[in-house]
Amino acid sequence: MNNFCNSCGMPLAGENGKDYRGNYCIYCTDENGKLLPRELIQRGVAEWLKQIADGKDGDYNKKAGYYMKAMPAWSEEE
């Protein structure tokens, strides 16, 4: 297992299994460990990017899409 979520890049922590499910974090999977739809995850990544941008304007959904292309889970998608 790697140290980061293959979907969003969040650090995977905790040997208790509560913070991750396989190669994905709990925010990118359902209760059974199945990866959530890309659109749903992209919205979450966009919100995260908006928070760290300190109020700067921008198309965060588009930026999230570019960011996610670097993630193993989404690198093969259009």
Protein backbone atom coordinates (compact mmCIF):
# COMPACT_ATOMS: atom_id res chain seq x y z
CA MET A 1 0.00 0.00 0.00
CA ASN A 2 1.18 3.52 -0.74
CA ASN A 3 0.89 6.46 1.64
CA PHE A 4 -1.62 8.52 -0.35
CA CYS A 5 -5.13 8.01 -1.69
CA ASN A 6 -4.96 7.00 -5.36
CA SER A 7 -8.06 9.09 -6.02
CA CYS A 8 -7.55 12.43 -4.26
CA GLY A 9 -4.01 12.37 -2.88
CA MET A 10 -5.02 12.58 0.78
CA PRO A 11 -2.47 10.98 3.13
CA LEU A 12 -3.53 7.53 4.24
CA ALA A 13 -2.98 7.23 7.97
CA GLY A 14 -3.95 5.04 10.83
CA GLU A 15 -3.18 1.37 11.18
CA ASN A 16 -6.68 0.90 12.62
CA GLY A 17 -8.16 0.99 9.10
CA LYS A 18 -10.54 3.83 9.88
CA ASP A 19 -8.81 6.40 7.66
CA TYR A 20 -8.50 4.33 4.48
CA ARG A 21 -9.90 1.44 2.51
CA GLY A 22 -7.17 -0.20 0.45
CA ASN A 23 -5.58 2.42 -1.80
CA TYR A 24 -8.34 5.00 -1.21
CA CYS A 25 -9.35 7.28 1.65
CA ILE A 26 -12.74 7.09 3.34
CA TYR A 27 -13.88 10.23 1.47
CA CYS A 28 -13.39 8.62 -1.96
CA THR A 29 -15.16 5.34 -1.21
CA ASP A 30 -18.53 4.07 -0.10
CA GLU A 31 -19.00 1.94 3.03
CA ASN A 32 -18.01 -1.18 1.05
CA GLY A 33 -14.73 0.34 -0.17
CA LYS A 34 -15.96 0.95 -3.72
CA LEU A 35 -14.64 4.10 -5.39
CA LEU A 36 -17.25 6.87 -5.61
CA PRO A 37 -18.12 8.52 -8.95
CA ARG A 38 -15.49 10.90 -10.32
CA GLU A 39 -17.89 13.86 -10.33
CA LEU A 40 -18.56 13.52 -6.61
CA ILE A 41 -14.88 13.29 -5.74
CA GLN A 42 -14.08 16.20 -8.07
CA ARG A 43 -16.53 18.40 -6.18
CA GLY A 44 -14.77 17.55 -2.92
CA VAL A 45 -11.33 18.24 -4.38
CA ALA A 46 -12.63 21.55 -5.77
CA GLU A 47 -13.84 22.57 -2.31
CA TRP A 48 -10.46 21.66 -0.83
CA LEU A 49 -8.63 23.71 -3.48
CA LYS A 50 -10.94 26.65 -2.82
CA GLN A 51 -10.16 26.50 0.90
CA ILE A 52 -6.40 26.55 0.39
CA ALA A 53 -6.62 29.35 -2.20
CA ASP A 54 -7.28 31.95 0.52
CA GLY A 55 -10.26 33.50 -1.23
CA LYS A 56 -8.71 33.88 -4.65
CA ASP A 57 -11.11 33.59 -7.56
CA GLY A 58 -10.90 30.73 -9.99
CA ASP A 59 -12.64 27.79 -11.60
CA TYR A 60 -11.91 25.28 -8.86
CA ASN A 61 -13.89 22.49 -10.51
CA LYS A 62 -11.68 22.80 -13.59
CA LYS A 63 -8.54 22.94 -11.44
CA ALA A 64 -9.72 19.85 -9.56
CA GLY A 65 -10.11 18.04 -12.87
CA TYR A 66 -6.51 18.82 -13.81
CA TYR A 67 -5.32 17.76 -10.37
CA MET A 68 -7.18 14.47 -10.54
CA LYS A 69 -5.58 13.55 -13.87
CA ALA A 70 -2.36 13.05 -11.89
CA MET A 71 -4.04 10.55 -9.56
CA PRO A 72 -3.69 6.84 -10.47
CA ALA A 73 -7.45 6.24 -10.19
CA TRP A 74 -8.26 8.88 -12.82
CA SER A 75 -5.13 9.13 -14.98
CA GLU A 76 -6.57 6.93 -17.74
CA GLU A 77 -9.88 8.82 -18.01
CA GLU A 78 -10.65 11.61 -20.47
